[in-house]
Structures are given as C-alpha cells and as structure tokens.
C-alpha cells in the first residue's frame, strides 16, 4: 500500500508505505495514533515519526489512481488522510 503525502511544512512530497496491508488498518491507525498532540509536537517537525517507510520524491503532476490514498500533513487542524474516497481529519483538532 502506498499513500502520496504532501508535507506543507518543508514543502516536500513523499510516498508513505504504511506497515499495513488493508485500507481499514490504515484508517484505524490514523484515528488512533494521529492525535493533535502527536501531530503538533512530533510530526510537524519530522514527518518520518509516523511509522512505515518514507521516500521523499520530487514534486510532479500525479494521477491519484497511482496511489492507494492521499494525505496532507501540516498542523493537526489541517492534516488529513483520504483512503477509499473518504477523508479523515485529525479527531479533536482545534482550528486556530
């Protein structure tokens, strides 16, 4: 499984290979582990704190069908994961 990730802080693009095979596993992991505290205190400064394999890529036009999902990572209030056509925000995040 590969997720294309846009990292706003640092303006980098990544391919994330999470340590899961199934979409539901990634979604459950996201809901459980991507807390506002984790995102704002760790992920904001080093995206590779998220478990799995990370490959930094050059920005280019891409076809969403080439990936199993998409994500945008920045602060907790505007980070999200999209898998199976459903968007998952960070639960409990407060907008400034």
Protein backbone atom coordinates (compact mmCIF):
# COMPACT_ATOMS: atom_id res chain seq x y z
CA UNK A 1 0.00 0.00 0.00
CA UNK A 2 1.31 3.44 -0.92
CA UNK A 3 -0.02 6.81 0.20
CA UNK A 4 1.09 10.02 -1.52
CA UNK A 5 1.76 12.64 1.13
CA UNK A 6 2.05 16.40 0.74
CA UNK A 7 4.06 17.85 3.62
CA UNK A 8 3.20 21.52 3.93
CA UNK A 9 5.89 22.34 6.49
CA UNK A 10 9.04 21.81 4.49
CA UNK A 11 7.22 21.79 1.15
CA UNK A 12 8.11 18.19 0.45
CA UNK A 13 6.32 15.33 -1.22
CA UNK A 14 6.55 11.74 -0.06
CA UNK A 15 5.43 8.22 -0.77
CA UNK A 16 4.46 6.60 2.52
CA UNK A 17 4.32 2.84 2.72
CA UNK A 18 2.50 2.15 5.99
CA UNK A 19 3.10 -1.15 7.78
CA UNK A 20 -0.41 -2.34 6.88
CA UNK A 21 -1.96 -4.28 4.03
CA UNK A 22 -5.58 -3.22 4.25
CA UNK A 23 -7.26 0.19 3.95
CA UNK A 24 -9.20 -0.32 7.20
CA UNK A 25 -5.93 -0.92 9.07
CA UNK A 26 -4.51 2.42 7.88
CA UNK A 27 -7.73 4.23 8.79
CA UNK A 28 -7.84 2.66 12.27
CA UNK A 29 -4.16 3.52 12.81
CA UNK A 30 -4.81 7.12 11.70
CA UNK A 31 -7.80 7.50 14.02
CA UNK A 32 -5.93 6.01 16.97
CA UNK A 33 -2.44 7.48 16.59
CA UNK A 34 -2.77 10.78 14.74
CA UNK A 35 -3.80 12.82 17.75
CA UNK A 36 -3.49 16.62 17.81
CA UNK A 37 -0.64 16.30 20.32
CA UNK A 38 1.30 13.77 18.23
CA UNK A 39 0.91 15.78 15.03
CA UNK A 40 1.72 19.18 16.55
CA UNK A 41 4.61 18.04 18.76
CA UNK A 42 6.34 15.42 16.59
CA UNK A 43 5.03 15.04 13.05
CA UNK A 44 5.09 18.79 12.37
CA UNK A 45 8.88 18.72 12.84
CA UNK A 46 9.68 15.27 11.41
CA UNK A 47 7.08 13.51 9.29
CA UNK A 48 9.04 10.26 9.46
CA UNK A 49 7.93 9.92 13.10
CA UNK A 50 4.90 8.24 11.52
CA UNK A 51 5.67 4.54 11.36
CA UNK A 52 6.28 2.93 7.99
CA UNK A 53 8.69 3.55 5.13
CA UNK A 54 9.16 7.04 3.71
CA UNK A 55 10.54 8.00 0.30
CA UNK A 56 10.93 11.68 -0.49
CA UNK A 57 10.02 12.44 -4.09
CA UNK A 58 10.27 15.44 -6.37
CA UNK A 59 7.06 17.33 -6.85
CA UNK A 60 5.35 16.48 -10.11
CA UNK A 61 1.89 16.13 -11.50
CA UNK A 62 0.47 12.79 -10.48
CA UNK A 63 -2.51 10.61 -11.00
CA UNK A 64 -4.35 9.79 -7.79
CA UNK A 65 -5.11 6.35 -9.24
CA UNK A 66 -1.39 5.54 -8.97
CA UNK A 67 -1.72 5.51 -5.15
CA UNK A 68 -3.90 3.78 -2.59
CA UNK A 69 -4.57 7.05 -0.81
CA UNK A 70 -3.55 10.64 -0.31
CA UNK A 71 -2.63 12.68 2.74
CA UNK A 72 -1.78 16.25 3.63
CA UNK A 73 0.34 16.78 6.73
CA UNK A 74 0.89 20.11 8.44
CA UNK A 75 -0.67 21.06 11.75
CA UNK A 76 -3.36 18.98 13.40
CA UNK A 77 -6.22 21.24 12.27
CA UNK A 78 -5.42 20.88 8.56
CA UNK A 79 -3.90 17.40 8.25
CA UNK A 80 -5.96 14.67 6.63
CA UNK A 81 -5.87 11.20 5.09
CA UNK A 82 -8.01 10.11 2.16
CA UNK A 83 -8.43 6.38 1.57
CA UNK A 84 -11.18 4.70 -0.41
CA UNK A 85 -12.59 8.09 -1.35
CA UNK A 86 -13.24 9.05 2.29
CA UNK A 87 -11.40 11.90 4.02
CA UNK A 88 -10.29 11.50 7.64
CA UNK A 89 -9.31 14.60 9.58
CA UNK A 90 -7.46 14.62 12.90
CA UNK A 91 -10.12 13.97 15.53
CA UNK A 92 -10.17 16.53 18.33
CA UNK A 93 -8.06 19.11 16.49
CA UNK A 94 -8.99 22.72 17.20
CA UNK A 95 -8.91 25.31 14.44
CA UNK A 96 -6.98 28.46 15.36
